[in-house]
Protein backbone atom coordinates (compact mmCIF):
# COMPACT_ATOMS: atom_id res chain seq x y z
CA MET A 1 0.00 0.00 0.00
CA ASN A 2 2.79 2.42 0.94
CA GLU A 3 4.65 1.49 -2.24
CA THR A 4 1.60 2.45 -4.35
CA LYS A 5 1.45 5.86 -2.65
CA LYS A 6 5.14 6.44 -3.29
CA ASN A 7 4.74 5.56 -6.96
CA THR A 8 1.64 7.71 -7.59
CA SER A 9 2.74 10.78 -5.61
CA PRO A 10 5.28 12.02 -8.21
CA VAL A 11 2.69 11.55 -10.97
CA ILE A 12 0.12 13.67 -9.10
CA LYS A 13 2.69 16.33 -8.40
CA ALA A 14 3.70 16.42 -12.06
CA LEU A 15 0.09 16.75 -13.18
CA LEU A 16 -0.56 19.57 -10.71
CA PHE A 17 2.59 21.35 -11.86
CA LEU A 18 1.54 20.97 -15.50
CA ALA A 19 -1.94 22.33 -14.71
CA LEU A 20 -0.37 25.34 -13.02
CA LEU A 21 1.78 26.02 -16.06
CA VAL A 22 -1.28 25.86 -18.33
CA ILE A 23 -3.19 28.31 -16.12
CA LEU A 24 -0.27 30.74 -16.08
CA PHE A 25 0.13 30.48 -19.85
CA VAL A 26 -3.59 31.07 -20.54
CA SER A 27 -3.65 33.98 -18.06
CA GLY A 28 -0.70 35.60 -19.79
CA VAL A 29 -2.29 35.24 -23.21
CA MET A 30 -5.59 36.69 -22.01
CA LEU A 31 -3.88 39.70 -20.49
CA LEU A 32 -2.02 40.38 -23.74
CA LEU A 33 -5.13 40.15 -25.92
CA PRO A 34 -6.46 43.51 -27.19
CA ASN A 35 -9.31 44.78 -25.02
CA ASN A 36 -11.62 46.44 -27.50
CA ASN A 37 -14.62 47.80 -25.61
CA THR A 38 -16.81 48.38 -28.66
CA PHE A 39 -18.92 45.30 -29.35
CA ILE A 40 -20.77 44.58 -32.60
CA ALA A 41 -23.66 42.24 -31.81
CA SER A 42 -24.99 41.49 -35.28
CA SER A 43 -24.34 41.98 -38.96
CA GLY A 44 -26.64 44.26 -40.91
CA ASP A 45 -27.00 47.46 -42.89
CA GLY A 46 -26.72 50.58 -40.71
CA LYS A 47 -25.54 50.98 -37.14
CA VAL A 48 -27.62 51.48 -34.01
CA ALA A 49 -25.76 52.19 -30.78
CA LEU A 50 -27.07 50.49 -27.64
CA VAL A 51 -26.74 52.28 -24.29
CA ARG A 52 -27.78 50.40 -21.16
CA ILE A 53 -29.28 52.14 -18.13
CA GLU A 54 -29.52 49.52 -15.43
CA GLY A 55 -30.14 49.61 -11.69
CA VAL A 56 -30.77 52.51 -9.37
CA ILE A 57 -29.63 55.77 -10.97
CA VAL A 58 -27.14 57.42 -8.63
CA SER A 59 -24.83 58.93 -11.24
CA GLY A 60 -25.42 60.03 -14.81
CA GLU A 61 -21.84 60.61 -15.93
CA LYS A 62 -21.14 57.27 -17.59
CA VAL A 63 -24.44 57.15 -19.48
CA VAL A 64 -24.16 60.80 -20.55
CA ASP A 65 -20.65 60.18 -21.90
CA GLN A 66 -21.90 57.23 -23.98
CA ILE A 67 -24.88 59.13 -25.36
CA GLU A 68 -22.70 62.09 -26.34
CA LYS A 69 -20.13 59.77 -27.91
CA TRP A 70 -22.66 57.99 -30.12
CA ALA A 71 -24.45 61.23 -31.00
CA ASP A 72 -21.16 62.61 -32.38
CA ASP A 73 -20.20 59.36 -34.15
CA ASP A 74 -20.97 59.74 -37.86
CA SER A 75 -20.86 55.97 -38.37
CA VAL A 76 -23.86 55.50 -36.06
CA ASP A 77 -27.35 56.12 -37.42
CA ALA A 78 -29.45 55.98 -34.25
CA ILE A 79 -29.33 55.25 -30.52
CA VAL A 80 -31.37 52.83 -28.40
CA LEU A 81 -31.53 53.21 -24.63
CA ARG A 82 -32.16 49.88 -22.91
CA ILE A 83 -33.71 50.88 -19.59
CA VAL A 84 -34.01 48.41 -16.73
CA SER A 85 -34.29 50.70 -13.73
CA PRO A 86 -36.74 51.68 -10.96
CA GLY A 87 -35.37 55.22 -11.17
CA GLY A 88 -33.04 57.00 -8.81
CA VAL A 89 -31.71 60.36 -7.71
CA VAL A 90 -33.34 63.40 -9.32
CA ALA A 91 -30.32 65.36 -10.58
CA PRO A 92 -28.53 62.46 -12.38
CA SER A 93 -31.83 61.48 -14.00
CA GLN A 94 -32.17 65.05 -15.23
CA GLU A 95 -28.60 65.00 -16.56
CA ILE A 96 -29.36 61.91 -18.66
CA TYR A 97 -32.70 63.38 -19.81
CA THR A 98 -30.89 66.52 -21.01
CA ALA A 99 -28.24 64.45 -22.81
CA VAL A 100 -30.96 62.52 -24.63
CA ARG A 101 -32.77 65.71 -25.66
CA ASN A 102 -29.50 67.12 -27.02
CA ALA A 103 -28.70 63.85 -28.83
CA ARG A 104 -32.06 64.00 -30.59
CA LYS A 105 -30.82 67.08 -32.45
CA GLN A 106 -28.32 64.77 -34.20
CA LYS A 107 -29.74 61.24 -34.07
CA LYS A 108 -32.99 59.38 -33.56
CA VAL A 109 -33.19 57.97 -30.03
CA VAL A 110 -35.53 55.13 -29.03
CA ALA A 111 -36.14 53.77 -25.51
CA SER A 112 -36.54 50.04 -24.92
CA MET A 113 -38.08 49.13 -21.56
CA GLY A 114 -37.08 45.93 -19.82
CA ALA A 115 -38.72 44.45 -16.74
CA VAL A 116 -38.91 47.82 -14.99
CA ALA A 117 -38.49 51.35 -16.33
CA ALA A 118 -40.29 53.34 -13.67
CA SER A 119 -40.10 56.86 -12.28
CA GLY A 120 -36.61 58.12 -13.24
CA GLY A 121 -36.46 55.26 -15.73
CA TYR A 122 -39.62 56.54 -17.38
CA TYR A 123 -38.43 60.15 -17.06
CA ILE A 124 -35.39 59.34 -19.21
CA ALA A 125 -37.47 57.33 -21.69
CA ALA A 126 -39.78 60.32 -22.12
CA ALA A 127 -36.86 62.29 -23.58
CA CYS A 128 -36.58 59.82 -26.52
CA ASP A 129 -38.23 60.04 -29.92
CA LYS A 130 -40.13 56.80 -29.32
CA ILE A 131 -40.70 54.38 -26.44
CA VAL A 132 -41.02 50.60 -26.86
CA ALA A 133 -42.11 48.43 -23.91
CA MET A 134 -43.15 44.86 -23.32
CA PRO A 135 -46.82 44.42 -22.32
CA GLY A 136 -45.66 43.32 -18.87
CA SER A 137 -42.99 45.97 -18.34
CA ILE A 138 -43.52 48.02 -15.19
CA THR A 139 -43.36 51.74 -15.86
CA GLY A 140 -44.97 55.00 -14.80
CA SER A 141 -44.52 55.88 -11.11
CA ILE A 142 -44.32 59.50 -12.23
CA GLY A 143 -43.63 61.29 -9.01
CA VAL A 144 -41.11 62.52 -6.46
CA ILE A 145 -40.24 61.13 -3.06
CA MET A 146 -37.94 62.44 -0.35
CA MET A 147 -36.48 59.89 2.05
CA PHE A 148 -34.56 60.19 5.28
CA ASN A 149 -34.24 58.17 8.44
CA ASN A 150 -35.57 59.17 11.84
CA THR A 151 -33.98 57.38 14.80
CA TYR A 152 -34.62 59.68 17.75
CA LYS A 153 -36.96 57.23 19.53
CA LEU A 154 -34.28 54.53 19.43
CA PHE A 155 -31.70 56.99 20.73
CA ASP A 156 -34.05 57.98 23.55
CA LYS A 157 -34.37 54.34 24.62
CA ILE A 158 -30.62 53.84 24.89
CA GLY A 159 -29.94 57.24 26.41
CA LEU A 160 -28.21 58.92 23.47
CA GLY A 161 -28.85 62.51 22.44
CA SER A 162 -27.38 65.24 20.25
CA VAL A 163 -26.57 68.91 20.73
CA VAL A 164 -27.20 71.16 17.70
CA ILE A 165 -26.17 74.78 17.32
CA LYS A 166 -27.57 76.16 14.06
CA SER A 167 -27.62 79.38 12.10
CA GLY A 168 -31.26 79.28 11.11
CA GLN A 169 -34.60 77.65 11.83
CA PHE A 170 -34.35 75.12 8.99
CA LYS A 171 -30.60 74.37 9.05
CA ASP A 172 -31.04 70.88 10.53
CA THR A 173 -34.22 69.99 8.68
CA GLY A 174 -34.43 66.21 8.35
CA SER A 175 -32.25 65.54 11.37
CA PRO A 176 -32.65 61.92 12.51
CA HIS A 177 -32.24 62.99 16.14
CA ARG A 178 -35.62 64.67 16.64
CA PRO A 179 -39.18 64.70 15.26
CA ILE A 180 -39.87 66.71 12.13
CA THR A 181 -41.76 69.95 12.77
CA LYS A 182 -44.89 71.14 10.97
CA ASP A 183 -42.99 74.01 9.32
CA GLU A 184 -40.22 71.66 8.16
CA ARG A 185 -42.71 69.25 6.65
CA ALA A 186 -44.38 72.12 4.78
CA LEU A 187 -41.00 73.33 3.53
CA MET A 188 -40.00 69.91 2.18
CA GLN A 189 -43.43 69.38 0.65
CA THR A 190 -42.97 72.65 -1.27
CA ALA A 191 -39.65 71.37 -2.64
CA VAL A 192 -41.20 68.01 -3.59
CA ASN A 193 -44.06 69.79 -5.37
CA ASP A 194 -41.61 71.97 -7.30
CA ILE A 195 -39.62 68.95 -8.52
CA GLN A 196 -42.87 67.16 -9.38
CA THR A 197 -43.79 70.11 -11.59
CA GLN A 198 -40.39 69.78 -13.31
CA PHE A 199 -41.09 66.06 -13.85
CA VAL A 200 -44.49 66.73 -15.41
CA GLU A 201 -43.18 69.56 -17.60
CA ASP A 202 -40.24 67.50 -18.87
CA VAL A 203 -42.40 64.46 -19.65
CA ALA A 204 -44.92 66.68 -21.45
CA GLU A 205 -42.14 68.31 -23.48
CA GLY A 206 -40.40 65.05 -24.31
CA ARG A 207 -43.59 63.23 -25.24
CA GLY A 208 -45.32 66.17 -26.92
CA MET A 209 -48.27 65.83 -24.52
CA GLU A 210 -50.41 68.39 -22.74
CA GLN A 211 -49.19 69.07 -19.21
CA ASP A 212 -52.65 68.58 -17.74
CA LEU A 213 -52.86 65.12 -19.32
CA VAL A 214 -49.48 64.13 -17.89
CA ARG A 215 -50.40 65.61 -14.51
CA ASN A 216 -53.50 63.40 -14.37
CA LEU A 217 -51.27 60.34 -14.91
CA ALA A 218 -48.61 61.52 -12.48
CA ASP A 219 -49.95 60.49 -9.08
CA GLY A 220 -47.14 57.98 -8.53
CA ARG A 221 -49.03 54.90 -9.73
CA ILE A 222 -47.30 52.26 -11.82
CA TYR A 223 -48.54 51.06 -15.19
CA THR A 224 -47.92 47.90 -17.15
CA GLY A 225 -46.48 48.44 -20.58
CA LYS A 226 -49.89 47.65 -22.05
CA GLN A 227 -51.63 50.19 -19.80
CA ALA A 228 -48.96 52.80 -20.50
CA HIS A 229 -49.45 52.27 -24.23
CA LYS A 230 -53.18 52.84 -23.85
CA GLU A 231 -52.54 56.07 -21.90
CA GLY A 232 -50.10 57.40 -24.50
CA LEU A 233 -47.02 57.03 -22.29
CA VAL A 234 -45.56 54.35 -24.62
CA ASP A 235 -45.56 54.30 -28.43
CA LYS A 236 -45.25 50.61 -29.20
CA LEU A 237 -45.29 47.21 -27.54
CA GLY A 238 -42.31 45.06 -28.42
CA THR A 239 -38.88 43.69 -27.64
CA LEU A 240 -35.42 45.20 -27.63
CA GLY A 241 -35.05 43.90 -31.17
CA ASP A 242 -38.21 45.75 -32.16
CA ALA A 243 -36.78 48.94 -30.65
CA VAL A 244 -33.55 48.51 -32.64
CA SER A 245 -35.51 47.94 -35.84
CA LEU A 246 -37.65 51.00 -35.14
CA ALA A 247 -34.59 53.16 -34.48
CA GLY A 248 -33.04 52.02 -37.74
CA LYS A 249 -36.23 52.68 -39.66
CA LEU A 250 -36.56 56.19 -38.17
CA ALA A 251 -32.96 56.86 -39.21
CA GLY A 252 -33.60 55.67 -42.76
CA VAL A 253 -31.64 52.42 -42.48
CA GLU A 254 -32.73 49.77 -44.96
CA GLY A 255 -32.92 46.30 -43.49
CA GLU A 256 -31.74 45.26 -40.05
CA PRO A 257 -28.96 47.44 -38.61
CA ASP A 258 -25.83 46.39 -36.74
CA ILE A 259 -25.90 46.90 -32.97
CA VAL A 260 -22.81 48.58 -31.54
CA GLU A 261 -22.32 48.79 -27.81
CA GLU A 262 -19.63 50.13 -25.54
CA ARG A 263 -18.80 47.63 -22.83
CA ASP A 264 -16.68 47.90 -19.73
CA LYS A 265 -13.20 46.54 -20.18
CA LEU A 266 -12.91 43.08 -18.70
CA GLY A 267 -10.86 42.49 -15.59
CA PHE A 268 -8.47 39.57 -15.12
CA LEU A 269 -11.03 37.16 -13.63
CA GLU A 270 -13.64 38.09 -16.24
CA LYS A 271 -11.16 37.39 -19.02
CA LEU A 272 -10.12 34.09 -17.47
CA LEU A 273 -13.52 32.79 -16.36
CA GLY A 274 -15.91 34.74 -18.56
CA GLU A 275 -18.19 37.66 -17.72
CA GLU A 276 -20.69 35.31 -16.06
CA TYR A 277 -18.33 34.49 -13.17
CA GLU A 278 -19.80 37.37 -11.19
CA LEU A 279 -23.23 36.97 -9.55
CA LYS A 280 -25.79 39.18 -11.26
CA PHE A 281 -28.74 40.80 -9.52
CA PRO A 282 -31.81 42.48 -11.08
CA PHE A 283 -30.84 45.91 -9.74
CA SER A 284 -27.58 47.36 -8.53
CA VAL A 285 -29.25 48.80 -5.47
CA PRO A 286 -27.07 50.80 -3.10
CA MET A 287 -27.68 49.56 0.43
CA ASN A 288 -27.52 53.07 1.89
CA LEU A 289 -29.41 55.51 -0.30
CA GLN A 290 -28.61 58.96 1.03
CA PRO A 291 -31.33 61.39 2.16
CA GLY A 292 -32.55 63.42 -0.77
CA PHE A 293 -35.06 63.75 -3.59
CA TYR A 294 -35.72 60.74 -5.80
CA PHE A 295 -37.52 59.81 -9.00
CA ILE A 296 -37.84 56.22 -7.83
CA TRP A 297 -40.34 53.39 -7.40
CA PRO A 298 -39.65 52.47 -3.74
CA ALA A 299 -41.13 48.96 -4.01
CA ALA A 300 -38.21 47.95 -6.24
CA ILE A 301 -35.58 48.74 -3.61
């Protein structure tokens, strides 16, 4: 028995050493391969650029950069925004909305709604020339919400308190260390109402709808894609492929266009194991959304 172990041990060691050499060789090759981050997904007649807006919107910079890039690219005929998002922070949503409106001066832009394109997701879609949704897509939730934590009762129970010296009556509005006052609530409600008006006005402008009509639909309720289509919030029911075809047609492309997409450069593990090595979740939801104003469907977070 011992003799067998002695005979097989060198073989196992050799195999393990060989496997290690193979892994190192493959890793080196993968690292040296060119990392082109522009992906062509099909083969057709024109080019439609695909920009993905996924997860809770906390920053607009990356998406804005992509939209501006494709808008200035003469080889691209149109842009499709693939939106899978429950919305997010107000200002970044407005930055993306503005980028889309500016891009429309150069290219046709079509929104394609995935499982959810609500609140800020719908707000951005409204800036596009056309909106395509699946019948079961969740959209709408046109409204504004302000969120902050209030922990003063917990602090009272454990004997913790805070001392605040402030320059004005409203300087510590939203403090988690005490109850909100009537005047503070009225002040924040005024701000929420103002941003809601901006939401309604921007949707009306982007969609070419009367403000009163949008306002009647903007009580925060969600709509299925089918319901939204009936209410005039969506132009067509269909898939991402349908949205790409529509964008190409609007841009005058004959036949099915190519899809070009900018992708993040792959890291070492992604190159070695494939992009699917990382666990994927429906939404990239920050665990600690900061206090502030949101175009968001809260049920999705």
